[in-house]
């Protein structure tokens, strides 16, 4: 199975959002990882708005 690791400088938004989107749309065909553990609240809001959170 392909594996994708998303990493960004602060890792509180872009990489976590990208990982969430790929995980949803890949439907289990790709193993998605992002090392972030603290998510920016604005990212959570946006992810909820598009139905990915």
PDB file of N, CA and C in Angstrom:
ATOM      1  N   UNK A   1       0.856  -1.170   0.000  1.00  0.00           N
ATOM      2  CA  UNK A   1       0.000   0.000   0.000  1.00  0.00           C
ATOM      3  C   UNK A   1       0.905   1.237   0.000  1.00  0.00           C
ATOM      4  N   UNK A   2       0.602   2.214  -0.838  1.00  0.00           N
ATOM      5  CA  UNK A   2       1.383   3.450  -0.838  1.00  0.00           C
ATOM      6  C   UNK A   2       1.254   4.165   0.507  1.00  0.00           C
ATOM      7  N   UNK A   3       2.292   4.884   0.887  1.00  0.00           N
ATOM      8  CA  UNK A   3       2.280   5.638   2.129  1.00  0.00           C
ATOM      9  C   UNK A   3       2.711   7.068   1.832  1.00  0.00           C
ATOM     10  N   UNK A   4       1.984   8.036   2.399  1.00  0.00           N
ATOM     11  CA  UNK A   4       2.292   9.449   2.192  1.00  0.00           C
ATOM     12  C   UNK A   4       2.486  10.101   3.558  1.00  0.00           C
ATOM     13  N   UNK A   5       3.580  10.832   3.711  1.00  0.00           N
ATOM     14  CA  UNK A   5       3.864  11.570   4.931  1.00  0.00           C
ATOM     15  C   UNK A   5       3.798  13.052   4.601  1.00  0.00           C
ATOM     16  N   UNK A   6       2.908  13.783   5.276  1.00  0.00           N
ATOM     17  CA  UNK A   6       2.786  15.220   5.082  1.00  0.00           C
ATOM     18  C   UNK A   6       3.478  15.930   6.235  1.00  0.00           C
ATOM     19  N   UNK A   7       4.382  16.851   5.900  1.00  0.00           N
ATOM     20  CA  UNK A   7       5.106  17.608   6.915  1.00  0.00           C
ATOM     21  C   UNK A   7       5.182  19.062   6.463  1.00  0.00           C
ATOM     22  N   UNK A   8       4.948  20.002   7.370  1.00  0.00           N
ATOM     23  CA  UNK A   8       5.167  21.419   7.074  1.00  0.00           C
ATOM     24  C   UNK A   8       5.933  22.040   8.241  1.00  0.00           C
ATOM     25  N   UNK A   9       6.352  23.261   8.089  1.00  0.00           N
ATOM     26  CA  UNK A   9       7.232  23.909   9.065  1.00  0.00           C
ATOM     27  C   UNK A   9       6.644  23.924  10.474  1.00  0.00           C
ATOM     28  N   UNK A  10       5.431  24.400  10.638  1.00  0.00           N
ATOM     29  CA  UNK A  10       4.829  24.455  11.965  1.00  0.00           C
ATOM     30  C   UNK A  10       3.958  23.245  12.252  1.00  0.00           C
ATOM     31  N   UNK A  11       3.566  22.543  11.227  1.00  0.00           N
ATOM     32  CA  UNK A  11       2.797  21.298  11.311  1.00  0.00           C
ATOM     33  C   UNK A  11       1.545  21.422  12.180  1.00  0.00           C
ATOM     34  N   UNK A  12       0.885  22.547  12.086  1.00  0.00           N
ATOM     35  CA  UNK A  12      -0.349  22.728  12.833  1.00  0.00           C
ATOM     36  C   UNK A  12      -1.521  22.992  11.904  1.00  0.00           C
ATOM     37  N   UNK A  13      -1.291  22.929  10.613  1.00  0.00           N
ATOM     38  CA  UNK A  13      -2.372  23.259   9.710  1.00  0.00           C
ATOM     39  C   UNK A  13      -2.275  22.588   8.360  1.00  0.00           C
ATOM     40  N   UNK A  14      -1.376  23.069   7.531  1.00  0.00           N
ATOM     41  CA  UNK A  14      -1.343  22.606   6.141  1.00  0.00           C
ATOM     42  C   UNK A  14      -1.152  21.104   6.013  1.00  0.00           C
ATOM     43  N   UNK A  15      -0.175  20.547   6.708  1.00  0.00           N
ATOM     44  CA  UNK A  15       0.075  19.114   6.546  1.00  0.00           C
ATOM     45  C   UNK A  15      -1.050  18.275   7.129  1.00  0.00           C
ATOM     46  N   UNK A  16      -1.607  18.714   8.255  1.00  0.00           N
ATOM     47  CA  UNK A  16      -2.705  17.961   8.862  1.00  0.00           C
ATOM     48  C   UNK A  16      -3.958  18.026   8.003  1.00  0.00           C
ATOM     49  N   UNK A  17      -4.198  19.187   7.387  1.00  0.00           N
ATOM     50  CA  UNK A  17      -5.347  19.314   6.502  1.00  0.00           C
ATOM     51  C   UNK A  17      -5.148  18.435   5.265  1.00  0.00           C
ATOM     52  N   UNK A  18      -3.959  18.468   4.698  1.00  0.00           N
ATOM     53  CA  UNK A  18      -3.673  17.644   3.523  1.00  0.00           C
ATOM     54  C   UNK A  18      -3.822  16.162   3.851  1.00  0.00           C
ATOM     55  N   UNK A  19      -3.323  15.764   5.012  1.00  0.00           N
ATOM     56  CA  UNK A  19      -3.434  14.360   5.416  1.00  0.00           C
ATOM     57  C   UNK A  19      -4.899  13.955   5.580  1.00  0.00           C
ATOM     58  N   UNK A  20      -5.689  14.811   6.212  1.00  0.00           N
ATOM     59  CA  UNK A  20      -7.106  14.516   6.408  1.00  0.00           C
ATOM     60  C   UNK A  20      -7.857  14.394   5.096  1.00  0.00           C
ATOM     61  N   UNK A  21      -7.560  15.310   4.179  1.00  0.00           N
ATOM     62  CA  UNK A  21      -8.237  15.268   2.876  1.00  0.00           C
ATOM     63  C   UNK A  21      -7.853  14.022   2.088  1.00  0.00           C
ATOM     64  N   UNK A  22      -6.551  13.709   2.036  1.00  0.00           N
ATOM     65  CA  UNK A  22      -6.132  12.515   1.298  1.00  0.00           C
ATOM     66  C   UNK A  22      -6.711  11.254   1.931  1.00  0.00           C
ATOM     67  N   UNK A  23      -6.682  11.188   3.249  1.00  0.00           N
ATOM     68  CA  UNK A  23      -7.209  10.011   3.937  1.00  0.00           C
ATOM     69  C   UNK A  23      -8.677   9.794   3.580  1.00  0.00           C
ATOM     70  N   UNK A  24      -9.425  10.867   3.542  1.00  0.00           N
ATOM     71  CA  UNK A  24     -10.856  10.746   3.203  1.00  0.00           C
ATOM     72  C   UNK A  24     -11.050  10.302   1.756  1.00  0.00           C
ATOM     73  N   UNK A  25     -10.377  10.971   0.838  1.00  0.00           N
ATOM     74  CA  UNK A  25     -10.619  10.705  -0.579  1.00  0.00           C
ATOM     75  C   UNK A  25      -9.911   9.454  -1.101  1.00  0.00           C
ATOM     76  N   UNK A  26      -8.883   8.986  -0.412  1.00  0.00           N
ATOM     77  CA  UNK A  26      -8.201   7.761  -0.840  1.00  0.00           C
ATOM     78  C   UNK A  26      -8.997   6.515  -0.445  1.00  0.00           C
ATOM     79  N   UNK A  27      -9.912   6.662   0.481  1.00  0.00           N
ATOM     80  CA  UNK A  27     -10.796   5.575   0.906  1.00  0.00           C
ATOM     81  C   UNK A  27     -10.043   4.290   1.251  1.00  0.00           C
ATOM     82  N   UNK A  28      -8.982   4.449   2.056  1.00  0.00           N
ATOM     83  CA  UNK A  28      -8.244   3.286   2.521  1.00  0.00           C
ATOM     84  C   UNK A  28      -7.208   2.730   1.560  1.00  0.00           C
ATOM     85  N   UNK A  29      -7.035   3.350   0.403  1.00  0.00           N
ATOM     86  CA  UNK A  29      -6.065   2.852  -0.579  1.00  0.00           C
ATOM     87  C   UNK A  29      -4.654   3.391  -0.342  1.00  0.00           C
ATOM     88  N   UNK A  30      -4.533   4.368   0.571  1.00  0.00           N
ATOM     89  CA  UNK A  30      -3.235   4.986   0.867  1.00  0.00           C
ATOM     90  C   UNK A  30      -3.109   5.110   2.378  1.00  0.00           C
ATOM     91  N   UNK A  31      -1.933   4.777   2.912  1.00  0.00           N
ATOM     92  CA  UNK A  31      -1.675   4.986   4.333  1.00  0.00           C
ATOM     93  C   UNK A  31      -1.152   6.410   4.478  1.00  0.00           C
ATOM     94  N   UNK A  32      -1.871   7.245   5.221  1.00  0.00           N
ATOM     95  CA  UNK A  32      -1.551   8.668   5.340  1.00  0.00           C
ATOM     96  C   UNK A  32      -1.059   8.962   6.751  1.00  0.00           C
ATOM     97  N   UNK A  33       0.047   9.732   6.822  1.00  0.00           N
ATOM     98  CA  UNK A  33       0.587  10.106   8.132  1.00  0.00           C
ATOM     99  C   UNK A  33       0.973  11.582   8.142  1.00  0.00           C
ATOM    100  N   UNK A  34       0.877  12.173   9.331  1.00  0.00           N
ATOM    101  CA  UNK A  34       1.372  13.519   9.584  1.00  0.00           C
ATOM    102  C   UNK A  34       1.787  13.551  11.044  1.00  0.00           C
ATOM    103  N   UNK A  35       3.010  13.989  11.337  1.00  0.00           N
ATOM    104  CA  UNK A  35       3.506  13.915  12.710  1.00  0.00           C
ATOM    105  C   UNK A  35       2.932  14.955  13.663  1.00  0.00           C
ATOM    106  N   UNK A  36       2.084  15.837  13.197  1.00  0.00           N
ATOM    107  CA  UNK A  36       1.541  16.890  14.063  1.00  0.00           C
ATOM    108  C   UNK A  36       0.638  16.349  15.146  1.00  0.00           C
ATOM    109  N   UNK A  37       0.617  17.036  16.279  1.00  0.00           N
ATOM    110  CA  UNK A  37      -0.265  16.599  17.358  1.00  0.00           C
ATOM    111  C   UNK A  37      -1.128  17.740  17.905  1.00  0.00           C
ATOM    112  N   UNK A  38      -0.777  18.980  17.605  1.00  0.00           N
ATOM    113  CA  UNK A  38      -1.578  20.121  18.042  1.00  0.00           C
ATOM    114  C   UNK A  38      -2.132  20.815  16.807  1.00  0.00           C
ATOM    115  N   UNK A  39      -3.435  20.742  16.644  1.00  0.00           N
ATOM    116  CA  UNK A  39      -4.063  21.284  15.446  1.00  0.00           C
ATOM    117  C   UNK A  39      -4.550  22.707  15.701  1.00  0.00           C
ATOM    118  N   UNK A  40      -4.230  23.591  14.790  1.00  0.00           N
ATOM    119  CA  UNK A  40      -4.694  24.968  14.836  1.00  0.00           C
ATOM    120  C   UNK A  40      -6.221  24.964  14.813  1.00  0.00           C
ATOM    121  N   UNK A  41      -6.881  25.677  15.734  1.00  0.00           N
ATOM    122  CA  UNK A  41      -8.348  25.696  15.781  1.00  0.00           C
ATOM    123  C   UNK A  41      -9.001  26.140  14.467  1.00  0.00           C
ATOM    124  N   UNK A  42      -8.358  27.027  13.734  1.00  0.00           N
ATOM    125  CA  UNK A  42      -8.907  27.463  12.446  1.00  0.00           C
ATOM    126  C   UNK A  42      -8.952  26.302  11.461  1.00  0.00           C
ATOM    127  N   UNK A  43      -7.967  25.426  11.528  1.00  0.00           N
ATOM    128  CA  UNK A  43      -7.940  24.257  10.649  1.00  0.00           C
ATOM    129  C   UNK A  43      -9.086  23.323  10.982  1.00  0.00           C
ATOM    130  N   UNK A  44      -9.351  23.135  12.250  1.00  0.00           N
ATOM    131  CA  UNK A  44     -10.465  22.279  12.677  1.00  0.00           C
ATOM    132  C   UNK A  44     -11.776  22.836  12.114  1.00  0.00           C
ATOM    133  N   UNK A  45     -11.953  24.141  12.204  1.00  0.00           N
ATOM    134  CA  UNK A  45     -13.174  24.760  11.681  1.00  0.00           C
ATOM    135  C   UNK A  45     -13.344  24.508  10.193  1.00  0.00           C
ATOM    136  N   UNK A  46     -12.281  24.721   9.444  1.00  0.00           N
ATOM    137  CA  UNK A  46     -12.345  24.516   7.998  1.00  0.00           C
ATOM    138  C   UNK A  46     -12.602  23.051   7.662  1.00  0.00           C
ATOM    139  N   UNK A  47     -11.930  22.157   8.357  1.00  0.00           N
ATOM    140  CA  UNK A  47     -12.125  20.725   8.098  1.00  0.00           C
ATOM    141  C   UNK A  47     -13.574  20.316   8.388  1.00  0.00           C
ATOM    142  N   UNK A  48     -14.154  20.865   9.444  1.00  0.00           N
ATOM    143  CA  UNK A  48     -15.564  20.569   9.752  1.00  0.00           C
ATOM    144  C   UNK A  48     -16.481  21.105   8.645  1.00  0.00           C
ATOM    145  N   UNK A  49     -16.153  22.278   8.139  1.00  0.00           N
ATOM    146  CA  UNK A  49     -16.981  22.877   7.090  1.00  0.00           C
ATOM    147  C   UNK A  49     -17.015  22.032   5.810  1.00  0.00           C
ATOM    148  N   UNK A  50     -15.908  21.341   5.526  1.00  0.00           N
ATOM    149  CA  UNK A  50     -15.878  20.514   4.309  1.00  0.00           C
ATOM    150  C   UNK A  50     -16.169  19.039   4.618  1.00  0.00           C
ATOM    151  N   UNK A  51     -16.516  18.745   5.889  1.00  0.00           N
ATOM    152  CA  UNK A  51     -16.929  17.396   6.260  1.00  0.00           C
ATOM    153  C   UNK A  51     -15.813  16.403   6.424  1.00  0.00           C
ATOM    154  N   UNK A  52     -14.625  16.867   6.796  1.00  0.00           N
ATOM    155  CA  UNK A  52     -13.483  15.957   6.931  1.00  0.00           C
ATOM    156  C   UNK A  52     -13.076  15.754   8.378  1.00  0.00           C
ATOM    157  N   UNK A  53     -13.483  16.584   9.284  1.00  0.00           N
ATOM    158  CA  UNK A  53     -13.065  16.474  10.699  1.00  0.00           C
ATOM    159  C   UNK A  53     -13.762  15.342  11.395  1.00  0.00           C
TER     160      UNK A  53
END
